[in-house]
C-alpha atoms as a PDB file:
ATOM      1  CA  MET A   1      -8.262   3.833  -9.389  1.00  0.00           C
ATOM      2  CA  ALA A   2      -7.845   7.552  -9.965  1.00  0.00           C
ATOM      3  CA  TRP A   3      -4.490   7.293  -8.197  1.00  0.00           C
ATOM      4  CA  TYR A   4      -3.378   4.541 -10.601  1.00  0.00           C
ATOM      5  CA  PHE A   5      -4.489   6.705 -13.499  1.00  0.00           C
ATOM      6  CA  GLN A   6      -2.451   9.642 -12.151  1.00  0.00           C
ATOM      7  CA  CYS A   7       0.644   7.473 -11.685  1.00  0.00           C
ATOM      8  CA  TRP A   8       0.307   6.122 -15.230  1.00  0.00           C
ATOM      9  CA  TYR A   9      -0.210   9.590 -16.697  1.00  0.00           C
ATOM     10  CA  GLN A  10       2.729  11.072 -14.798  1.00  0.00           C
ATOM     11  CA  ALA A  11       4.980   8.249 -16.056  1.00  0.00           C
ATOM     12  CA  CYS A  12       3.824   8.919 -19.640  1.00  0.00           C
ATOM     13  CA  VAL A  13       4.614  12.623 -19.318  1.00  0.00           C
ATOM     14  CA  GLN A  14       8.063  11.884 -17.868  1.00  0.00           C
ATOM     15  CA  ARG A  15       8.871   9.394 -20.647  1.00  0.00           C
ATOM     16  CA  GLY A  16       7.268  11.506 -23.362  1.00  0.00           C
ATOM     17  CA  THR A  17       5.442   8.444 -24.698  1.00  0.00           C
ATOM     18  CA  VAL A  18       2.107   6.783 -24.036  1.00  0.00           C
ATOM     19  CA  THR A  19       2.330   3.171 -22.889  1.00  0.00           C
ATOM     20  CA  ILE A  20      -0.694   1.057 -22.021  1.00  0.00           C
ATOM     21  CA  GLY A  21       0.210  -2.293 -20.577  1.00  0.00           C
ATOM     22  CA  ASP A  22       3.003  -3.505 -22.809  1.00  0.00           C
ATOM     23  CA  VAL A  23       1.907  -1.459 -25.838  1.00  0.00           C
ATOM     24  CA  GLU A  24       3.692   1.800 -26.608  1.00  0.00           C
ATOM     25  CA  LEU A  25       1.562   4.004 -28.822  1.00  0.00           C
ATOM     26  CA  ALA A  26       3.265   6.032 -31.528  1.00  0.00           C
ATOM     27  CA  ALA A  27       1.552   9.161 -30.273  1.00  0.00           C
ATOM     28  CA  SER A  28       2.787  12.147 -28.326  1.00  0.00           C
ATOM     29  CA  VAL A  29       1.418  13.006 -24.896  1.00  0.00           C
ATOM     30  CA  PRO A  30      -0.282  16.202 -26.232  1.00  0.00           C
ATOM     31  CA  GLU A  31      -2.022  14.137 -28.950  1.00  0.00           C
ATOM     32  CA  PHE A  32      -3.180  11.715 -26.293  1.00  0.00           C
ATOM     33  CA  GLU A  33      -4.436  14.555 -24.093  1.00  0.00           C
ATOM     34  CA  LEU A  34      -6.763  15.715 -26.887  1.00  0.00           C
ATOM     35  CA  PHE A  35      -8.128  12.187 -27.140  1.00  0.00           C
ATOM     36  CA  MET A  36      -8.615  11.974 -23.344  1.00  0.00           C
ATOM     37  CA  ASP A  37     -10.450  15.333 -23.349  1.00  0.00           C
ATOM     38  CA  ASP A  38     -12.993  13.865 -25.757  1.00  0.00           C
ATOM     39  CA  ILE A  39     -13.524  10.741 -23.653  1.00  0.00           C
ATOM     40  CA  LEU A  40     -13.804  12.795 -20.447  1.00  0.00           C
ATOM     41  CA  ALA A  41     -16.403  15.033 -22.130  1.00  0.00           C
ATOM     42  CA  ILE A  42     -18.679  12.005 -22.399  1.00  0.00           C
ATOM     43  CA  ILE A  43     -17.769  10.472 -19.026  1.00  0.00           C
ATOM     44  CA  GLY A  44     -18.533  13.749 -17.237  1.00  0.00           C
ATOM     45  CA  LYS A  45     -21.644  14.600 -19.231  1.00  0.00           C
ATOM     46  CA  LYS A  46     -24.430  16.245 -17.358  1.00  0.00           C
ATOM     47  CA  SER A  47     -27.521  14.366 -16.368  1.00  0.00           C
ATOM     48  CA  THR A  48     -30.495  14.577 -18.665  1.00  0.00           C
ATOM     49  CA  TYR A  49     -32.904  13.429 -16.022  1.00  0.00           C
ATOM     50  CA  PRO A  50     -35.069  16.328 -14.833  1.00  0.00           C
ATOM     51  CA  PHE A  51     -35.650  14.668 -11.455  1.00  0.00           C
ATOM     52  CA  ASP A  52     -31.943  14.229 -10.722  1.00  0.00           C
ATOM     53  CA  PRO A  53     -29.623  17.222 -11.317  1.00  0.00           C
ATOM     54  CA  ARG A  54     -26.477  15.171 -10.690  1.00  0.00           C
ATOM     55  CA  PRO A  55     -24.087  14.578 -13.588  1.00  0.00           C
ATOM     56  CA  TYR A  56     -24.495  11.153 -15.182  1.00  0.00           C
ATOM     57  CA  ILE A  57     -21.388   9.690 -13.546  1.00  0.00           C
ATOM     58  CA  ALA A  58     -22.586  10.801 -10.091  1.00  0.00           C
ATOM     59  CA  TRP A  59     -25.932   9.148 -10.780  1.00  0.00           C
ATOM     60  CA  LEU A  60     -24.245   5.998 -12.111  1.00  0.00           C
ATOM     61  CA  LEU A  61     -21.967   5.618  -9.077  1.00  0.00           C
ATOM     62  CA  ASP A  62     -24.488   7.060  -6.580  1.00  0.00           C
ATOM     63  CA  ILE A  63     -22.244   9.981  -5.629  1.00  0.00           C
ATOM     64  CA  LYS A  64     -23.988  12.880  -3.934  1.00  0.00           C
ATOM     65  CA  SER A  65     -22.792  15.701  -6.169  1.00  0.00           C
ATOM     66  CA  TYR A  66     -24.294  18.337  -8.417  1.00  0.00           C
ATOM     67  CA  CYS A  67     -23.115  20.305 -11.423  1.00  0.00           C
ATOM     68  CA  SER A  68     -23.975  23.684 -12.851  1.00  0.00           C
ATOM     69  CA  LEU A  69     -26.158  22.451 -15.716  1.00  0.00           C
ATOM     70  CA  ARG A  70     -29.681  23.786 -15.757  1.00  0.00           C
ATOM     71  CA  SER A  71     -31.958  20.784 -15.642  1.00  0.00           C
ATOM     72  CA  ASN A  72     -34.466  22.164 -18.146  1.00  0.00           C
ATOM     73  CA  LEU A  73     -32.396  21.481 -21.283  1.00  0.00           C
ATOM     74  CA  ARG A  74     -34.311  19.253 -23.632  1.00  0.00           C
ATOM     75  CA  PRO A  75     -32.805  16.316 -25.572  1.00  0.00           C
ATOM     76  CA  GLU A  76     -33.379  18.259 -28.784  1.00  0.00           C
ATOM     77  CA  ALA A  77     -30.528  20.539 -27.665  1.00  0.00           C
ATOM     78  CA  GLY A  78     -28.218  17.839 -29.051  1.00  0.00           C
ATOM     79  CA  CYS A  79     -25.329  16.269 -27.223  1.00  0.00           C
ATOM     80  CA  GLU A  80     -22.926  19.230 -27.263  1.00  0.00           C
ATOM     81  CA  ALA A  81     -24.836  21.120 -24.558  1.00  0.00           C
ATOM     82  CA  PHE A  82     -24.549  18.170 -22.165  1.00  0.00           C
ATOM     83  CA  LEU A  83     -20.870  17.336 -22.629  1.00  0.00           C
ATOM     84  CA  CYS A  84     -18.317  18.090 -19.940  1.00  0.00           C
ATOM     85  CA  LYS A  85     -15.968  20.656 -21.452  1.00  0.00           C
ATOM     86  CA  ASP A  86     -14.349  21.521 -18.113  1.00  0.00           C
ATOM     87  CA  VAL A  87     -13.799  18.812 -15.490  1.00  0.00           C
ATOM     88  CA  GLY A  88     -13.435  21.607 -12.937  1.00  0.00           C
ATOM     89  CA  GLU A  89     -17.188  22.162 -12.910  1.00  0.00           C
ATOM     90  CA  HIS A  90     -17.566  18.864 -11.048  1.00  0.00           C
ATOM     91  CA  SER A  91     -16.790  18.200  -7.400  1.00  0.00           C
ATOM     92  CA  ALA A  92     -13.501  16.566  -6.421  1.00  0.00           C
ATOM     93  CA  GLN A  93     -15.254  13.254  -5.764  1.00  0.00           C
ATOM     94  CA  VAL A  94     -16.823  13.231  -9.243  1.00  0.00           C
ATOM     95  CA  ARG A  95     -13.511  14.237 -10.864  1.00  0.00           C
ATOM     96  CA  MET A  96     -11.778  11.300  -9.176  1.00  0.00           C
ATOM     97  CA  ALA A  97     -14.521   8.986 -10.433  1.00  0.00           C
ATOM     98  CA  MET A  98     -14.180  10.446 -13.937  1.00  0.00           C
ATOM     99  CA  PHE A  99     -10.459   9.698 -14.070  1.00  0.00           C
ATOM    100  CA  ALA A 100     -10.989   6.251 -12.553  1.00  0.00           C
ATOM    101  CA  LEU A 101     -13.490   5.505 -15.328  1.00  0.00           C
ATOM    102  CA  LEU A 102     -11.125   6.957 -17.906  1.00  0.00           C
ATOM    103  CA  GLY A 103      -8.472   4.510 -16.678  1.00  0.00           C
ATOM    104  CA  LEU A 104     -10.988   1.695 -17.007  1.00  0.00           C
ATOM    105  CA  PHE A 105     -12.071   2.663 -20.526  1.00  0.00           C
ATOM    106  CA  LEU A 106      -8.430   3.045 -21.611  1.00  0.00           C
ATOM    107  CA  LYS A 107      -7.919  -0.461 -20.179  1.00  0.00           C
ATOM    108  CA  LEU A 108      -5.004   0.568 -17.992  1.00  0.00           C
ATOM    109  CA  PRO A 109      -4.118  -2.721 -16.277  1.00  0.00           C
ATOM    110  CA  ASN A 110      -4.059  -1.424 -12.673  1.00  0.00           C
ATOM    111  CA  CYS A 111      -7.306   0.514 -13.123  1.00  0.00           C
ATOM    112  CA  VAL A 112      -9.111  -2.513 -14.571  1.00  0.00           C
ATOM    113  CA  CYS A 113      -7.846  -4.746 -11.767  1.00  0.00           C
ATOM    114  CA  ILE A 114      -8.794  -2.341  -8.985  1.00  0.00           C
ATOM    115  CA  TRP A 115     -12.170  -1.597 -10.588  1.00  0.00           C
ATOM    116  CA  ARG A 116     -13.019  -5.303 -10.551  1.00  0.00           C
ATOM    117  CA  LEU A 117     -11.977  -5.523  -6.892  1.00  0.00           C
ATOM    118  CA  SER A 118     -14.150  -2.521  -5.990  1.00  0.00           C
ATOM    119  CA  GLY A 119     -17.314  -4.576  -6.304  1.00  0.00           C
ATOM    120  CA  ILE A 120     -19.053  -2.065  -8.587  1.00  0.00           C
ATOM    121  CA  PRO A 121     -20.534  -4.118 -11.441  1.00  0.00           C
ATOM    122  CA  ILE A 122     -19.218  -3.458 -14.933  1.00  0.00           C
ATOM    123  CA  PHE A 123     -21.817  -5.543 -16.750  1.00  0.00           C
ATOM    124  CA  ASP A 124     -19.956  -8.812 -16.153  1.00  0.00           C
ATOM    125  CA  ASP A 125     -16.567  -7.144 -16.659  1.00  0.00           C
ATOM    126  CA  ASN A 126     -17.392  -6.197 -20.243  1.00  0.00           C
ATOM    127  CA  ILE A 127     -15.706  -2.791 -20.490  1.00  0.00           C
ATOM    128  CA  GLU A 128     -16.898  -2.140 -24.043  1.00  0.00           C
ATOM    129  CA  ARG A 129     -20.533  -2.679 -23.073  1.00  0.00           C
ATOM    130  CA  PHE A 130     -20.103  -0.421 -20.035  1.00  0.00           C
ATOM    131  CA  TRP A 131     -18.619   2.274 -22.308  1.00  0.00           C
ATOM    132  CA  ARG A 132     -21.586   1.953 -24.701  1.00  0.00           C
ATOM    133  CA  SER A 133     -23.947   2.584 -21.786  1.00  0.00           C
ATOM    134  CA  MET A 134     -22.061   5.842 -21.113  1.00  0.00           C
ATOM    135  CA  HIS A 135     -22.536   7.253 -24.595  1.00  0.00           C
ATOM    136  CA  SER A 136     -25.810   5.707 -25.678  1.00  0.00           C
ATOM    137  CA  ASP A 137     -28.698   8.105 -25.901  1.00  0.00           C
ATOM    138  CA  ALA A 138     -31.231   7.254 -28.572  1.00  0.00           C
ATOM    139  CA  VAL A 139     -33.058  10.586 -28.396  1.00  0.00           C
ATOM    140  CA  ARG A 140     -30.139  12.854 -29.312  1.00  0.00           C
ATOM    141  CA  THR A 141     -29.171  13.749 -32.848  1.00  0.00           C
ATOM    142  CA  PRO A 142     -26.275  13.722 -33.274  1.00  0.00           C
ATOM    143  CA  SER A 143     -25.658  11.156 -30.565  1.00  0.00           C
ATOM    144  CA  TYR A 144     -22.681  11.187 -28.218  1.00  0.00           C
ATOM    145  CA  LEU A 145     -21.169   8.410 -30.314  1.00  0.00           C
ATOM    146  CA  ASP A 146     -21.671  10.407 -33.527  1.00  0.00           C
ATOM    147  CA  TRP A 147     -19.979  13.370 -31.842  1.00  0.00           C
ATOM    148  CA  LEU A 148     -17.074  11.160 -30.737  1.00  0.00           C
ATOM    149  CA  LYS A 149     -16.679   9.630 -34.199  1.00  0.00           C
ATOM    150  CA  ALA A 150     -16.482  13.120 -35.712  1.00  0.00           C
ATOM    151  CA  ARG A 151     -13.873  14.092 -33.113  1.00  0.00           C
ATOM    152  CA  ALA A 152     -11.917  10.893 -33.851  1.00  0.00           C
ATOM    153  CA  ASP A 153     -11.082  12.295 -37.282  1.00  0.00           C
ATOM    154  CA  GLY A 154      -8.671  14.614 -35.450  1.00  0.00           C
ATOM    155  CA  TRP A 155      -6.990  11.840 -33.437  1.00  0.00           C
ATOM    156  CA  SER A 156      -3.673  10.440 -34.586  1.00  0.00           C
ATOM    157  CA  ALA A 157      -3.835   7.154 -36.517  1.00  0.00           C
ATOM    158  CA  PRO A 158      -2.223   5.067 -33.719  1.00  0.00           C
ATOM    159  CA  ILE A 159      -4.744   6.372 -31.181  1.00  0.00           C
ATOM    160  CA  ARG A 160      -7.681   5.694 -33.513  1.00  0.00           C
ATOM    161  CA  ALA A 161      -6.411   2.186 -34.213  1.00  0.00           C
ATOM    162  CA  HIS A 162      -5.700   1.263 -30.585  1.00  0.00           C
ATOM    163  CA  PHE A 163      -8.968   2.654 -29.217  1.00  0.00           C
ATOM    164  CA  ARG A 164     -11.315   1.691 -32.067  1.00  0.00           C
ATOM    165  CA  TYR A 165     -13.497  -0.181 -29.528  1.00  0.00           C
ATOM    166  CA  LEU A 166     -14.506   3.204 -28.117  1.00  0.00           C
ATOM    167  CA  LEU A 167     -16.006   4.137 -31.499  1.00  0.00           C
ATOM    168  CA  GLU A 168     -18.170   1.051 -31.929  1.00  0.00           C
ATOM    169  CA  SER A 169     -21.846   0.951 -31.086  1.00  0.00           C
END
């Protein structure tokens, strides 16, 4: 899945446009990269479970990997302290999983198809519900979704319109 994401991204960079399926977004690749950084920040967020120091994605996919976050941060620290600002802090296996999930949440056709074939449940193939499970955290104020909505103000209008499902609760 990560490989399909890389192929798609490389093709976008070469063309200078972002195309998802048969939809070409009226957004530049650098604009889209800012959007992807925000989504990856949530996908790669650190675990908030004191008994499991793995990042959330490693816990979700049962990957044996750890990140540099100190496990004693409390939920009152807000969401910013738990976001992944640098994908390089994760192991290669977790980074691949992050980009595979990014491809799924962007609904890249090959990534969705391969993800379904992988056998890992996506809540009955409901990508939006799976995404909500990634950013839901009732104890944080602001929540990850609130943070993402604030960041969405800086996204280009075509990106906001096409990916509005990522901003719904």
